[in-house]
N, C-alpha and C. Protein backbone atom coordinates (compact mmCIF):
# COMPACT_ATOMS: atom_id res chain seq x y z
N UNK A 1 0.82 -1.15 -0.07
CA UNK A 1 -0.05 -0.02 0.02
C UNK A 1 0.89 1.30 -0.01
N UNK A 2 0.68 2.16 -0.98
CA UNK A 2 1.52 3.33 -0.98
C UNK A 2 0.52 4.47 -1.53
N UNK A 3 0.98 5.68 -1.23
CA UNK A 3 0.19 6.77 -1.67
C UNK A 3 0.66 8.07 -1.10
N UNK A 4 0.07 9.18 -1.53
CA UNK A 4 0.46 10.47 -0.93
C UNK A 4 0.13 10.56 0.53
N UNK A 5 0.97 11.26 1.34
CA UNK A 5 0.81 11.43 2.69
C UNK A 5 -0.28 12.52 2.89
N UNK A 6 -1.31 12.17 3.87
CA UNK A 6 -2.33 13.23 4.13
C UNK A 6 -1.78 14.32 5.03
N UNK A 7 -2.33 15.53 4.92
CA UNK A 7 -1.84 16.68 5.69
C UNK A 7 -3.04 17.45 6.18
N UNK A 8 -2.88 18.44 6.93
CA UNK A 8 -3.95 19.31 7.48
C UNK A 8 -4.85 19.84 6.40
N UNK A 9 -4.28 20.33 5.27
CA UNK A 9 -5.07 20.89 4.24
C UNK A 9 -5.69 19.95 3.28
N UNK A 10 -5.57 18.64 3.51
CA UNK A 10 -6.12 17.60 2.48
C UNK A 10 -7.66 17.71 2.58
N UNK A 11 -8.28 17.49 1.45
CA UNK A 11 -9.71 17.31 1.49
C UNK A 11 -10.16 15.90 1.79
N UNK A 12 -10.77 15.67 2.88
CA UNK A 12 -11.16 14.29 3.40
C UNK A 12 -12.63 14.43 3.81
N UNK A 13 -13.49 13.53 3.32
CA UNK A 13 -14.86 13.50 3.71
C UNK A 13 -15.22 12.20 4.23
N UNK A 14 -16.41 12.14 4.98
CA UNK A 14 -16.91 10.84 5.37
C UNK A 14 -17.75 10.32 4.18
N UNK A 15 -18.22 9.06 4.28
CA UNK A 15 -18.91 8.48 3.21
C UNK A 15 -20.21 9.19 2.83
N UNK A 16 -20.63 10.06 3.74
CA UNK A 16 -21.96 10.79 3.59
C UNK A 16 -21.77 12.27 3.14
N UNK A 17 -20.54 12.63 2.98
CA UNK A 17 -20.24 14.09 2.52
C UNK A 17 -19.81 15.02 3.57
N UNK A 18 -19.69 14.53 4.83
CA UNK A 18 -19.26 15.45 5.92
C UNK A 18 -17.81 15.73 5.84
N UNK A 19 -17.33 16.90 6.25
CA UNK A 19 -15.87 17.28 6.13
C UNK A 19 -15.11 16.79 7.35
N UNK A 20 -14.00 16.15 7.11
CA UNK A 20 -13.17 15.51 8.22
C UNK A 20 -11.87 16.34 8.31
N UNK A 21 -11.41 16.64 9.59
CA UNK A 21 -10.22 17.28 9.92
C UNK A 21 -9.49 16.49 10.98
N UNK A 22 -8.13 16.51 10.93
CA UNK A 22 -7.35 15.77 11.87
C UNK A 22 -7.34 16.64 13.16
N UNK A 23 -7.38 16.08 14.34
CA UNK A 23 -7.36 16.85 15.57
C UNK A 23 -5.99 17.35 15.99
N UNK A 24 -4.96 16.46 15.76
CA UNK A 24 -3.69 16.83 16.14
C UNK A 24 -2.63 16.46 15.07
N UNK A 25 -2.52 17.21 14.04
CA UNK A 25 -1.47 16.99 13.04
C UNK A 25 -0.07 17.35 13.64
N UNK A 26 0.92 16.84 13.02
CA UNK A 26 2.27 16.97 13.52
C UNK A 26 2.72 18.51 13.31
N UNK A 27 3.31 19.07 14.41
CA UNK A 27 3.84 20.42 14.26
C UNK A 27 5.22 20.35 13.73
N UNK A 28 5.88 19.15 13.70
CA UNK A 28 7.30 19.14 13.31
C UNK A 28 7.51 18.61 11.84
N UNK A 29 6.53 17.94 11.27
CA UNK A 29 6.67 17.40 9.97
C UNK A 29 5.72 18.03 9.00
N UNK A 30 6.29 18.67 7.96
CA UNK A 30 5.37 19.37 6.95
C UNK A 30 5.51 18.63 5.55
N UNK A 31 4.41 18.55 4.90
CA UNK A 31 4.42 18.07 3.49
C UNK A 31 3.57 19.03 2.74
N UNK A 32 4.11 19.60 1.62
CA UNK A 32 3.39 20.56 0.92
C UNK A 32 3.17 21.86 1.71
N UNK A 33 4.03 22.16 2.68
CA UNK A 33 3.88 23.30 3.53
C UNK A 33 2.83 23.17 4.60
N UNK A 34 2.23 21.99 4.77
CA UNK A 34 1.10 21.81 5.71
C UNK A 34 1.56 20.70 6.73
N UNK A 35 1.05 20.73 7.96
CA UNK A 35 1.40 19.72 8.91
C UNK A 35 0.92 18.33 8.43
N UNK A 36 1.77 17.30 8.51
CA UNK A 36 1.40 15.90 8.08
C UNK A 36 0.68 15.28 9.22
N UNK A 37 -0.09 14.20 8.94
CA UNK A 37 -0.91 13.50 9.91
C UNK A 37 -0.43 12.13 10.16
N UNK A 38 -0.33 11.76 11.48
CA UNK A 38 0.03 10.44 11.88
C UNK A 38 -1.22 9.66 12.22
N UNK A 39 -1.05 8.38 12.28
CA UNK A 39 -2.20 7.40 12.55
C UNK A 39 -2.80 7.76 13.96
N UNK A 40 -2.01 8.24 14.92
CA UNK A 40 -2.43 8.44 16.17
C UNK A 40 -3.43 9.62 16.36
N UNK A 41 -3.55 10.47 15.32
CA UNK A 41 -4.39 11.57 15.36
C UNK A 41 -5.92 11.23 15.13
N UNK A 42 -6.82 11.51 16.07
CA UNK A 42 -8.14 11.26 15.71
C UNK A 42 -8.69 12.39 14.71
N UNK A 43 -9.84 12.04 14.10
CA UNK A 43 -10.37 13.08 13.15
C UNK A 43 -11.79 13.46 13.62
N UNK A 44 -12.21 14.69 13.44
CA UNK A 44 -13.47 15.11 13.72
C UNK A 44 -14.28 15.23 12.36
N UNK A 45 -15.59 14.92 12.36
CA UNK A 45 -16.35 15.03 11.12
C UNK A 45 -17.53 16.00 11.33
N UNK A 46 -17.64 16.98 10.49
CA UNK A 46 -18.75 17.98 10.64
C UNK A 46 -19.58 17.93 9.37
N UNK A 47 -20.88 18.00 9.53
CA UNK A 47 -21.74 18.21 8.34
C UNK A 47 -22.15 16.85 7.69
N UNK A 48 -22.01 15.72 8.42
CA UNK A 48 -22.41 14.41 7.92
C UNK A 48 -23.95 14.50 7.60
N UNK A 49 -24.30 14.10 6.48
CA UNK A 49 -25.71 14.08 6.06
C UNK A 49 -26.47 12.83 6.41
N UNK A 50 -25.84 11.83 7.05
CA UNK A 50 -26.53 10.62 7.31
C UNK A 50 -27.52 10.72 8.48
N UNK A 51 -28.75 10.38 8.25
CA UNK A 51 -29.81 10.41 9.20
C UNK A 51 -30.40 9.02 9.24
N UNK A 52 -29.88 8.17 10.16
CA UNK A 52 -30.36 6.73 10.21
C UNK A 52 -31.69 6.64 10.84
N UNK A 53 -32.46 5.66 10.41
CA UNK A 53 -33.81 5.31 10.96
C UNK A 53 -33.62 4.64 12.38
N UNK A 54 -32.40 4.02 12.57
CA UNK A 54 -32.25 3.34 13.85
C UNK A 54 -31.84 4.19 15.01
N UNK A 55 -31.30 5.41 14.67
CA UNK A 55 -30.93 6.36 15.69
C UNK A 55 -29.55 6.35 16.19
N UNK A 56 -28.58 5.75 15.48
CA UNK A 56 -27.20 5.78 15.96
C UNK A 56 -26.49 7.05 15.53
N UNK A 57 -27.11 7.87 14.78
CA UNK A 57 -26.48 9.18 14.56
C UNK A 57 -25.61 9.28 13.41
N UNK A 58 -25.19 10.51 12.95
CA UNK A 58 -24.27 10.75 11.80
C UNK A 58 -22.81 10.52 12.31
N UNK A 59 -21.92 10.54 11.32
CA UNK A 59 -20.47 10.44 11.61
C UNK A 59 -20.00 11.61 12.41
N UNK A 60 -19.38 11.36 13.51
CA UNK A 60 -18.92 12.46 14.38
C UNK A 60 -17.38 12.48 14.47
N UNK A 61 -16.71 11.29 14.68
CA UNK A 61 -15.34 11.07 14.79
C UNK A 61 -14.87 9.97 13.88
N UNK A 62 -13.47 9.94 13.61
CA UNK A 62 -12.94 8.81 12.84
C UNK A 62 -11.57 8.65 13.31
N UNK A 63 -11.11 7.41 13.04
CA UNK A 63 -9.73 6.93 13.26
C UNK A 63 -9.26 6.13 12.17
N UNK A 64 -7.90 6.26 11.86
CA UNK A 64 -7.24 5.40 10.84
C UNK A 64 -6.86 4.13 11.54
N UNK A 65 -7.19 3.01 11.02
CA UNK A 65 -6.79 1.74 11.58
C UNK A 65 -5.59 1.05 10.83
N UNK A 66 -5.46 1.36 9.59
CA UNK A 66 -4.20 0.91 8.80
C UNK A 66 -3.55 2.10 8.14
N UNK A 67 -2.22 2.17 8.28
CA UNK A 67 -1.52 3.32 7.78
C UNK A 67 -0.16 2.87 7.21
N UNK A 68 0.71 3.75 6.98
CA UNK A 68 1.91 3.45 6.33
C UNK A 68 2.79 2.36 7.15
N UNK A 69 3.53 1.66 6.50
CA UNK A 69 4.38 0.66 7.16
C UNK A 69 5.92 1.04 7.17
N UNK A 70 6.17 2.00 6.32
CA UNK A 70 7.64 2.36 6.26
C UNK A 70 7.92 3.85 6.49
N UNK A 71 6.90 4.55 6.77
CA UNK A 71 7.14 6.10 6.99
C UNK A 71 6.47 6.44 8.35
N UNK A 72 7.21 7.03 9.26
CA UNK A 72 6.75 7.44 10.58
C UNK A 72 6.80 8.94 10.64
N UNK A 73 5.75 9.39 11.46
CA UNK A 73 5.71 10.82 11.83
C UNK A 73 5.58 10.86 13.33
N UNK A 74 6.53 11.53 13.92
CA UNK A 74 6.66 11.54 15.40
C UNK A 74 6.59 10.11 16.01
N UNK A 75 7.17 9.13 15.35
CA UNK A 75 7.08 7.79 15.93
C UNK A 75 5.87 6.94 15.57
N UNK A 76 4.94 7.52 14.87
CA UNK A 76 3.72 6.79 14.52
C UNK A 76 3.56 6.68 12.99
N UNK A 77 2.90 5.63 12.47
CA UNK A 77 2.75 5.51 11.05
C UNK A 77 2.05 6.73 10.46
N UNK A 78 2.45 7.13 9.22
CA UNK A 78 1.96 8.24 8.50
C UNK A 78 0.58 7.77 7.90
N UNK A 79 -0.37 8.72 7.84
CA UNK A 79 -1.62 8.44 7.15
C UNK A 79 -1.51 8.69 5.68
N UNK A 80 -1.84 7.76 4.85
CA UNK A 80 -1.78 7.86 3.35
C UNK A 80 -3.17 7.98 2.79
N UNK A 81 -3.23 8.38 1.52
CA UNK A 81 -4.52 8.43 0.91
C UNK A 81 -5.14 6.99 0.75
N UNK A 82 -4.36 5.99 0.76
CA UNK A 82 -4.79 4.62 0.61
C UNK A 82 -5.03 3.98 2.03
N UNK A 83 -4.77 4.72 3.09
CA UNK A 83 -5.01 4.11 4.41
C UNK A 83 -6.46 3.82 4.66
N UNK A 84 -6.70 2.93 5.65
CA UNK A 84 -8.04 2.55 6.00
C UNK A 84 -8.54 3.20 7.32
N UNK A 85 -9.72 3.74 7.28
CA UNK A 85 -10.23 4.39 8.46
C UNK A 85 -11.71 3.87 8.72
N UNK A 86 -12.15 4.28 9.98
CA UNK A 86 -13.49 3.94 10.38
C UNK A 86 -14.09 5.07 11.12
N UNK A 87 -15.34 5.51 10.78
CA UNK A 87 -16.01 6.54 11.47
C UNK A 87 -16.92 6.02 12.56
N UNK A 88 -17.01 6.85 13.54
CA UNK A 88 -17.92 6.45 14.70
C UNK A 88 -19.09 7.45 14.71
N UNK A 89 -20.28 7.00 14.92
CA UNK A 89 -20.68 5.62 15.23
C UNK A 89 -21.22 4.86 14.04
N UNK A 90 -20.94 5.32 12.83
CA UNK A 90 -21.62 4.57 11.62
C UNK A 90 -20.79 3.44 11.19
N UNK A 91 -19.53 3.44 11.35
CA UNK A 91 -18.63 2.30 10.89
C UNK A 91 -18.28 2.37 9.41
N UNK A 92 -18.53 3.56 8.79
CA UNK A 92 -18.14 3.74 7.44
C UNK A 92 -16.76 4.41 7.33
N UNK A 93 -16.07 4.36 6.19
CA UNK A 93 -14.76 4.91 6.03
C UNK A 93 -14.74 6.42 5.73
N UNK A 94 -13.57 7.04 5.99
CA UNK A 94 -13.30 8.37 5.48
C UNK A 94 -12.81 8.18 3.98
N UNK A 95 -13.07 9.18 3.23
CA UNK A 95 -12.65 9.18 1.76
C UNK A 95 -11.72 10.35 1.50
N UNK A 96 -10.49 10.09 1.29
CA UNK A 96 -9.52 11.26 1.04
C UNK A 96 -9.82 11.63 -0.47
N UNK A 97 -10.06 12.88 -0.67
CA UNK A 97 -10.48 13.42 -2.05
C UNK A 97 -9.30 14.05 -2.72
N UNK A 98 -8.51 14.87 -1.99
CA UNK A 98 -7.42 15.64 -2.54
C UNK A 98 -6.32 15.75 -1.46
N UNK A 99 -5.12 15.63 -1.94
CA UNK A 99 -3.96 15.86 -1.01
C UNK A 99 -2.76 16.31 -1.83
N UNK A 100 -1.66 16.64 -1.11
CA UNK A 100 -0.45 16.97 -1.86
C UNK A 100 0.04 15.71 -2.63
N UNK A 101 0.78 15.92 -3.65
CA UNK A 101 1.29 14.74 -4.43
C UNK A 101 2.75 14.52 -4.45
N UNK A 102 3.52 15.39 -3.83
CA UNK A 102 4.95 15.37 -3.84
C UNK A 102 5.58 14.31 -3.04
N UNK A 103 4.98 14.09 -1.78
CA UNK A 103 5.53 13.18 -0.76
C UNK A 103 4.64 11.99 -0.76
N UNK A 104 5.24 10.80 -1.19
CA UNK A 104 4.55 9.46 -1.17
C UNK A 104 5.15 8.63 -0.14
N UNK A 105 4.29 7.90 0.61
CA UNK A 105 4.71 6.94 1.64
C UNK A 105 4.33 5.60 1.18
N UNK A 106 4.89 4.69 2.08
CA UNK A 106 4.62 3.27 1.72
C UNK A 106 4.37 2.56 3.02
């Protein structure tokens, strides 16, 4: 699995169109002039359009469960565009739409 490293300015959405932002991007590692994101950073989701009939609610937070194997940011795996995530409470993934393309991780 390889792909561009995600950063604070990357466009990431939940499966229902809500905007996702990392809570704690790295202050020390920059890609494309923006702070890079490690797997340990939780993500917040705003504007999720999912209204379930069962009542578990729209996407609120997300975490990456699979990330880079060869690139570390502050000792944790880097989040790539191809990394796997899961939103809470819906269980759906985040979808990276656009990110910098110069720095690629594996």
